Amino acid sequence: MEYLAAIQLAEMISTVVYTILGVALMGLIWKVIDWMTPFPIMKEIEQDQNMALAVLIGLVFVSISIIIAAVIVS
């Protein structure tokens, strides 16, 4: 219970703001990736069952989220 008392309001607000910022950046990156590819990514993954593309896109998002988190923390 003492742990909950130690949480400050400013920490909670900054966590929410940085979460929204991170999600917005990930959405923007998705739009850029979708715009840059010459083929529809969602069609390739959903209809054509392109697992290699799905894994690649997933790894891109993991790496970008690590970069965004490192930038926000620093």
PDB file of N, CA and C in Angstrom:
ATOM      1  N   MET A   1       0.814  -1.188   0.000  1.00  0.00           N
ATOM      2  CA  MET A   1       0.000   0.000   0.000  1.00  0.00           C
ATOM      3  C   MET A   1       0.860   1.256   0.000  1.00  0.00           C
ATOM      4  N   GLU A   2       2.044   1.157   0.614  1.00  0.00           N
ATOM      5  CA  GLU A   2       2.935   2.315   0.631  1.00  0.00           C
ATOM      6  C   GLU A   2       3.419   2.662  -0.770  1.00  0.00           C
ATOM      7  N   TYR A   3       3.481   1.650  -1.626  1.00  0.00           N
ATOM      8  CA  TYR A   3       3.926   1.889  -2.994  1.00  0.00           C
ATOM      9  C   TYR A   3       2.953   2.799  -3.725  1.00  0.00           C
ATOM     10  N   LEU A   4       1.666   2.584  -3.521  1.00  0.00           N
ATOM     11  CA  LEU A   4       0.665   3.416  -4.186  1.00  0.00           C
ATOM     12  C   LEU A   4       0.700   4.844  -3.665  1.00  0.00           C
ATOM     13  N   ALA A   5       1.034   5.023  -2.415  1.00  0.00           N
ATOM     14  CA  ALA A   5       1.106   6.372  -1.852  1.00  0.00           C
ATOM     15  C   ALA A   5       2.302   7.138  -2.398  1.00  0.00           C
ATOM     16  N   ALA A   6       3.327   6.421  -2.838  1.00  0.00           N
ATOM     17  CA  ALA A   6       4.537   7.071  -3.335  1.00  0.00           C
ATOM     18  C   ALA A   6       4.396   7.560  -4.771  1.00  0.00           C
ATOM     19  N   ILE A   7       3.371   7.109  -5.475  1.00  0.00           N
ATOM     20  CA  ILE A   7       3.170   7.536  -6.863  1.00  0.00           C
ATOM     21  C   ILE A   7       2.663   8.972  -6.871  1.00  0.00           C
ATOM     22  N   GLN A   8       3.364   9.802  -7.596  1.00  0.00           N
ATOM     23  CA  GLN A   8       2.992  11.206  -7.684  1.00  0.00           C
ATOM     24  C   GLN A   8       2.072  11.437  -8.886  1.00  0.00           C
ATOM     25  N   LEU A   9       1.284  12.473  -8.806  1.00  0.00           N
ATOM     26  CA  LEU A   9       0.373  12.813  -9.893  1.00  0.00           C
ATOM     27  C   LEU A   9       1.148  13.167 -11.156  1.00  0.00           C
ATOM     28  N   ALA A  10       2.259  13.865 -11.019  1.00  0.00           N
ATOM     29  CA  ALA A  10       3.066  14.245 -12.182  1.00  0.00           C
ATOM     30  C   ALA A  10       3.606  13.013 -12.903  1.00  0.00           C
ATOM     31  N   GLU A  11       3.966  11.978 -12.165  1.00  0.00           N
ATOM     32  CA  GLU A  11       4.441  10.743 -12.781  1.00  0.00           C
ATOM     33  C   GLU A  11       3.338  10.074 -13.582  1.00  0.00           C
ATOM     34  N   MET A  12       2.141  10.064 -13.047  1.00  0.00           N
ATOM     35  CA  MET A  12       1.021   9.456 -13.755  1.00  0.00           C
ATOM     36  C   MET A  12       0.684  10.230 -15.023  1.00  0.00           C
ATOM     37  N   ILE A  13       0.683  11.543 -14.947  1.00  0.00           N
ATOM     38  CA  ILE A  13       0.375  12.371 -16.117  1.00  0.00           C
ATOM     39  C   ILE A  13       1.449  12.196 -17.183  1.00  0.00           C
ATOM     40  N   SER A  14       2.709  12.200 -16.780  1.00  0.00           N
ATOM     41  CA  SER A  14       3.783  12.033 -17.758  1.00  0.00           C
ATOM     42  C   SER A  14       3.730  10.651 -18.404  1.00  0.00           C
ATOM     43  N   THR A  15       3.353   9.638 -17.656  1.00  0.00           N
ATOM     44  CA  THR A  15       3.217   8.299 -18.225  1.00  0.00           C
ATOM     45  C   THR A  15       2.130   8.270 -19.288  1.00  0.00           C
ATOM     46  N   VAL A  16       0.995   8.897 -19.006  1.00  0.00           N
ATOM     47  CA  VAL A  16      -0.098   8.938 -19.975  1.00  0.00           C
ATOM     48  C   VAL A  16       0.312   9.735 -21.213  1.00  0.00           C
ATOM     49  N   VAL A  17       0.961  10.869 -21.019  1.00  0.00           N
ATOM     50  CA  VAL A  17       1.382  11.702 -22.152  1.00  0.00           C
ATOM     51  C   VAL A  17       2.382  10.955 -23.021  1.00  0.00           C
ATOM     52  N   TYR A  18       3.373  10.320 -22.412  1.00  0.00           N
ATOM     53  CA  TYR A  18       4.372   9.591 -23.188  1.00  0.00           C
ATOM     54  C   TYR A  18       3.783   8.363 -23.863  1.00  0.00           C
ATOM     55  N   THR A  19       2.785   7.749 -23.251  1.00  0.00           N
ATOM     56  CA  THR A  19       2.111   6.625 -23.892  1.00  0.00           C
ATOM     57  C   THR A  19       1.374   7.084 -25.138  1.00  0.00           C
ATOM     58  N   ILE A  20       0.660   8.186 -25.033  1.00  0.00           N
ATOM     59  CA  ILE A  20      -0.057   8.732 -26.185  1.00  0.00           C
ATOM     60  C   ILE A  20       0.934   9.143 -27.276  1.00  0.00           C
ATOM     61  N   LEU A  21       2.042   9.750 -26.892  1.00  0.00           N
ATOM     62  CA  LEU A  21       3.071  10.141 -27.852  1.00  0.00           C
ATOM     63  C   LEU A  21       3.656   8.924 -28.563  1.00  0.00           C
ATOM     64  N   GLY A  22       3.948   7.876 -27.822  1.00  0.00           N
ATOM     65  CA  GLY A  22       4.495   6.663 -28.417  1.00  0.00           C
ATOM     66  C   GLY A  22       3.535   5.998 -29.381  1.00  0.00           C
ATOM     67  N   VAL A  23       2.258   5.926 -29.004  1.00  0.00           N
ATOM     68  CA  VAL A  23       1.248   5.320 -29.876  1.00  0.00           C
ATOM     69  C   VAL A  23       1.054   6.166 -31.134  1.00  0.00           C
ATOM     70  N   ALA A  24       1.057   7.476 -30.991  1.00  0.00           N
ATOM     71  CA  ALA A  24       0.920   8.361 -32.157  1.00  0.00           C
ATOM     72  C   ALA A  24       2.110   8.203 -33.102  1.00  0.00           C
ATOM     73  N   LEU A  25       3.313   8.102 -32.552  1.00  0.00           N
ATOM     74  CA  LEU A  25       4.487   7.897 -33.395  1.00  0.00           C
ATOM     75  C   LEU A  25       4.439   6.551 -34.112  1.00  0.00           C
ATOM     76  N   MET A  26       3.974   5.520 -33.431  1.00  0.00           N
ATOM     77  CA  MET A  26       3.853   4.220 -34.080  1.00  0.00           C
ATOM     78  C   MET A  26       2.815   4.251 -35.204  1.00  0.00           C
ATOM     79  N   GLY A  27       1.724   4.969 -34.996  1.00  0.00           N
ATOM     80  CA  GLY A  27       0.723   5.127 -36.055  1.00  0.00           C
ATOM     81  C   GLY A  27       1.280   5.883 -37.243  1.00  0.00           C
ATOM     82  N   LEU A  28       2.047   6.919 -36.975  1.00  0.00           N
ATOM     83  CA  LEU A  28       2.670   7.691 -38.049  1.00  0.00           C
ATOM     84  C   LEU A  28       3.667   6.830 -38.819  1.00  0.00           C
ATOM     85  N   ILE A  29       4.429   6.023 -38.114  1.00  0.00           N
ATOM     86  CA  ILE A  29       5.394   5.145 -38.773  1.00  0.00           C
ATOM     87  C   ILE A  29       4.673   4.109 -39.632  1.00  0.00           C
ATOM     88  N   TRP A  30       3.537   3.596 -39.158  1.00  0.00           N
ATOM     89  CA  TRP A  30       2.760   2.642 -39.954  1.00  0.00           C
ATOM     90  C   TRP A  30       2.292   3.290 -41.250  1.00  0.00           C
ATOM     91  N   LYS A  31       1.824   4.534 -41.174  1.00  0.00           N
ATOM     92  CA  LYS A  31       1.371   5.238 -42.380  1.00  0.00           C
ATOM     93  C   LYS A  31       2.531   5.442 -43.353  1.00  0.00           C
ATOM     94  N   VAL A  32       3.711   5.774 -42.848  1.00  0.00           N
ATOM     95  CA  VAL A  32       4.884   5.971 -43.711  1.00  0.00           C
ATOM     96  C   VAL A  32       5.289   4.652 -44.375  1.00  0.00           C
ATOM     97  N   ILE A  33       5.321   3.571 -43.608  1.00  0.00           N
ATOM     98  CA  ILE A  33       5.676   2.267 -44.177  1.00  0.00           C
ATOM     99  C   ILE A  33       4.657   1.865 -45.230  1.00  0.00           C
ATOM    100  N   ASP A  34       3.380   2.052 -44.952  1.00  0.00           N
ATOM    101  CA  ASP A  34       2.323   1.698 -45.899  1.00  0.00           C
ATOM    102  C   ASP A  34       2.424   2.546 -47.160  1.00  0.00           C
ATOM    103  N   TRP A  35       2.770   3.808 -47.018  1.00  0.00           N
ATOM    104  CA  TRP A  35       2.892   4.717 -48.151  1.00  0.00           C
ATOM    105  C   TRP A  35       4.110   4.375 -49.013  1.00  0.00           C
ATOM    106  N   MET A  36       5.197   3.930 -48.385  1.00  0.00           N
ATOM    107  CA  MET A  36       6.442   3.669 -49.117  1.00  0.00           C
ATOM    108  C   MET A  36       6.447   2.341 -49.869  1.00  0.00           C
ATOM    109  N   THR A  37       5.642   1.390 -49.471  1.00  0.00           N
ATOM    110  CA  THR A  37       5.658   0.090 -50.135  1.00  0.00           C
ATOM    111  C   THR A  37       4.836   0.141 -51.426  1.00  0.00           C
ATOM    112  N   PRO A  38       5.326  -0.536 -52.462  1.00  0.00           N
ATOM    113  CA  PRO A  38       4.608  -0.511 -53.745  1.00  0.00           C
ATOM    114  C   PRO A  38       3.415  -1.467 -53.801  1.00  0.00           C
ATOM    115  N   PHE A  39       3.175  -2.221 -52.741  1.00  0.00           N
ATOM    116  CA  PHE A  39       2.071  -3.176 -52.703  1.00  0.00           C
ATOM    117  C   PHE A  39       1.308  -2.996 -51.398  1.00  0.00           C
ATOM    118  N   PRO A  40       0.031  -3.391 -51.382  1.00  0.00           N
ATOM    119  CA  PRO A  40      -0.738  -3.263 -50.125  1.00  0.00           C
ATOM    120  C   PRO A  40      -0.286  -4.299 -49.089  1.00  0.00           C
ATOM    121  N   ILE A  41       0.216  -3.814 -47.974  1.00  0.00           N
ATOM    122  CA  ILE A  41       0.767  -4.697 -46.937  1.00  0.00           C
ATOM    123  C   ILE A  41      -0.321  -5.568 -46.316  1.00  0.00           C
ATOM    124  N   MET A  42      -1.455  -4.973 -46.005  1.00  0.00           N
ATOM    125  CA  MET A  42      -2.523  -5.741 -45.355  1.00  0.00           C
ATOM    126  C   MET A  42      -3.039  -6.860 -46.247  1.00  0.00           C
ATOM    127  N   LYS A  43      -3.139  -6.621 -47.553  1.00  0.00           N
ATOM    128  CA  LYS A  43      -3.578  -7.670 -48.472  1.00  0.00           C
ATOM    129  C   LYS A  43      -2.563  -8.804 -48.509  1.00  0.00           C
ATOM    130  N   GLU A  44      -1.291  -8.472 -48.541  1.00  0.00           N
ATOM    131  CA  GLU A  44      -0.238  -9.493 -48.565  1.00  0.00           C
ATOM    132  C   GLU A  44      -0.284 -10.367 -47.312  1.00  0.00           C
ATOM    133  N   ILE A  45      -0.521  -9.745 -46.171  1.00  0.00           N
ATOM    134  CA  ILE A  45      -0.509 -10.504 -44.917  1.00  0.00           C
ATOM    135  C   ILE A  45      -1.802 -11.293 -44.729  1.00  0.00           C
ATOM    136  N   GLU A  46      -2.939 -10.645 -44.963  1.00  0.00           N
ATOM    137  CA  GLU A  46      -4.226 -11.292 -44.676  1.00  0.00           C
ATOM    138  C   GLU A  46      -4.645 -12.280 -45.759  1.00  0.00           C
ATOM    139  N   GLN A  47      -4.658 -11.842 -47.010  1.00  0.00           N
ATOM    140  CA  GLN A  47      -5.189 -12.701 -48.066  1.00  0.00           C
ATOM    141  C   GLN A  47      -4.153 -13.677 -48.612  1.00  0.00           C
ATOM    142  N   ASP A  48      -2.925 -13.191 -48.826  1.00  0.00           N
ATOM    143  CA  ASP A  48      -1.898 -14.047 -49.420  1.00  0.00           C
ATOM    144  C   ASP A  48      -1.119 -14.838 -48.375  1.00  0.00           C
ATOM    145  N   GLN A  49      -1.389 -14.610 -47.093  1.00  0.00           N
ATOM    146  CA  GLN A  49      -0.753 -15.334 -45.986  1.00  0.00           C
ATOM    147  C   GLN A  49       0.780 -15.254 -46.059  1.00  0.00           C
ATOM    148  N   ASN A  50       1.291 -14.052 -46.299  1.00  0.00           N
ATOM    149  CA  ASN A  50       2.734 -13.836 -46.399  1.00  0.00           C
ATOM    150  C   ASN A  50       3.313 -13.707 -44.989  1.00  0.00           C
ATOM    151  N   MET A  51       3.757 -14.840 -44.440  1.00  0.00           N
ATOM    152  CA  MET A  51       4.277 -14.862 -43.068  1.00  0.00           C
ATOM    153  C   MET A  51       5.592 -14.115 -42.932  1.00  0.00           C
ATOM    154  N   ALA A  52       6.414 -14.160 -43.964  1.00  0.00           N
ATOM    155  CA  ALA A  52       7.702 -13.460 -43.908  1.00  0.00           C
ATOM    156  C   ALA A  52       7.476 -11.952 -43.768  1.00  0.00           C
ATOM    157  N   LEU A  53       6.530 -11.410 -44.495  1.00  0.00           N
ATOM    158  CA  LEU A  53       6.219  -9.988 -44.396  1.00  0.00           C
ATOM    159  C   LEU A  53       5.630  -9.655 -43.034  1.00  0.00           C
ATOM    160  N   ALA A  54       4.785 -10.524 -42.506  1.00  0.00           N
ATOM    161  CA  ALA A  54       4.192 -10.288 -41.189  1.00  0.00           C
ATOM    162  C   ALA A  54       5.264 -10.261 -40.105  1.00  0.00           C
ATOM    163  N   VAL A  55       6.202 -11.193 -40.165  1.00  0.00           N
ATOM    164  CA  VAL A  55       7.286 -11.219 -39.190  1.00  0.00           C
ATOM    165  C   VAL A  55       8.167  -9.986 -39.348  1.00  0.00           C
ATOM    166  N   LEU A  56       8.454  -9.608 -40.584  1.00  0.00           N
ATOM    167  CA  LEU A  56       9.287  -8.432 -40.832  1.00  0.00           C
ATOM    168  C   LEU A  56       8.634  -7.164 -40.289  1.00  0.00           C
ATOM    169  N   ILE A  57       7.365  -6.966 -40.551  1.00  0.00           N
ATOM    170  CA  ILE A  57       6.649  -5.787 -40.052  1.00  0.00           C
ATOM    171  C   ILE A  57       6.603  -5.814 -38.522  1.00  0.00           C
ATOM    172  N   GLY A  58       6.374  -6.971 -37.939  1.00  0.00           N
ATOM    173  CA  GLY A  58       6.367  -7.080 -36.478  1.00  0.00           C
ATOM    174  C   GLY A  58       7.707  -6.708 -35.874  1.00  0.00           C
ATOM    175  N   LEU A  59       8.793  -7.182 -36.478  1.00  0.00           N
ATOM    176  CA  LEU A  59      10.122  -6.850 -35.970  1.00  0.00           C
ATOM    177  C   LEU A  59      10.460  -5.378 -36.173  1.00  0.00           C
ATOM    178  N   VAL A  60       9.970  -4.803 -37.252  1.00  0.00           N
ATOM    179  CA  VAL A  60      10.180  -3.365 -37.465  1.00  0.00           C
ATOM    180  C   VAL A  60       9.497  -2.578 -36.355  1.00  0.00           C
ATOM    181  N   PHE A  61       8.275  -2.956 -36.010  1.00  0.00           N
ATOM    182  CA  PHE A  61       7.562  -2.241 -34.953  1.00  0.00           C
ATOM    183  C   PHE A  61       8.211  -2.445 -33.584  1.00  0.00           C
ATOM    184  N   VAL A  62       8.728  -3.633 -33.315  1.00  0.00           N
ATOM    185  CA  VAL A  62       9.419  -3.854 -32.047  1.00  0.00           C
ATOM    186  C   VAL A  62      10.671  -2.988 -31.970  1.00  0.00           C
ATOM    187  N   SER A  63      11.440  -2.950 -33.045  1.00  0.00           N
ATOM    188  CA  SER A  63      12.668  -2.153 -33.021  1.00  0.00           C
ATOM    189  C   SER A  63      12.367  -0.667 -32.938  1.00  0.00           C
ATOM    190  N   ILE A  64      11.352  -0.204 -33.639  1.00  0.00           N
ATOM    191  CA  ILE A  64      10.992   1.222 -33.574  1.00  0.00           C
ATOM    192  C   ILE A  64      10.456   1.573 -32.191  1.00  0.00           C
ATOM    193  N   SER A  65       9.700   0.671 -31.574  1.00  0.00           N
ATOM    194  CA  SER A  65       9.191   0.962 -30.226  1.00  0.00           C
ATOM    195  C   SER A  65      10.323   1.023 -29.208  1.00  0.00           C
ATOM    196  N   ILE A  66      11.351   0.211 -29.384  1.00  0.00           N
ATOM    197  CA  ILE A  66      12.512   0.289 -28.495  1.00  0.00           C
ATOM    198  C   ILE A  66      13.225   1.622 -28.680  1.00  0.00           C
ATOM    199  N   ILE A  67      13.365   2.063 -29.917  1.00  0.00           N
ATOM    200  CA  ILE A  67      14.003   3.353 -30.181  1.00  0.00           C
ATOM    201  C   ILE A  67      13.194   4.491 -29.600  1.00  0.00           C
ATOM    202  N   ILE A  68      11.873   4.474 -29.786  1.00  0.00           N
ATOM    203  CA  ILE A  68      11.011   5.526 -29.232  1.00  0.00           C
ATOM    204  C   ILE A  68      11.095   5.539 -27.707  1.00  0.00           C
ATOM    205  N   ALA A  69      11.072   4.363 -27.089  1.00  0.00           N
ATOM    206  CA  ALA A  69      11.167   4.290 -25.626  1.00  0.00           C
ATOM    207  C   ALA A  69      12.500   4.842 -25.130  1.00  0.00           C
ATOM    208  N   ALA A  70      13.576   4.533 -25.833  1.00  0.00           N
ATOM    209  CA  ALA A  70      14.883   5.046 -25.419  1.00  0.00           C
ATOM    210  C   ALA A  70      14.959   6.553 -25.545  1.00  0.00           C
ATOM    211  N   VAL A  71      14.355   7.096 -26.591  1.00  0.00           N
ATOM    212  CA  VAL A  71      14.350   8.549 -26.779  1.00  0.00           C
ATOM    213  C   VAL A  71      13.511   9.233 -25.700  1.00  0.00           C
ATOM    214  N   ILE A  72      12.363   8.647 -25.386  1.00  0.00           N
ATOM    215  CA  ILE A  72      11.483   9.244 -24.379  1.00  0.00           C
ATOM    216  C   ILE A  72      12.127   9.197 -22.996  1.00  0.00           C
ATOM    217  N   VAL A  73      12.800   8.099 -22.674  1.00  0.00           N
ATOM    218  CA  VAL A  73      13.419   7.966 -21.356  1.00  0.00           C
ATOM    219  C   VAL A  73      14.603   8.916 -21.187  1.00  0.00           C
ATOM    220  N   SER A  74      15.342   9.146 -22.271  1.00  0.00           N
ATOM    221  CA  SER A  74      16.531   9.994 -22.150  1.00  0.00           C
ATOM    222  C   SER A  74      16.220  11.474 -22.053  1.00  0.00           C
TER     223      SER A  74
END
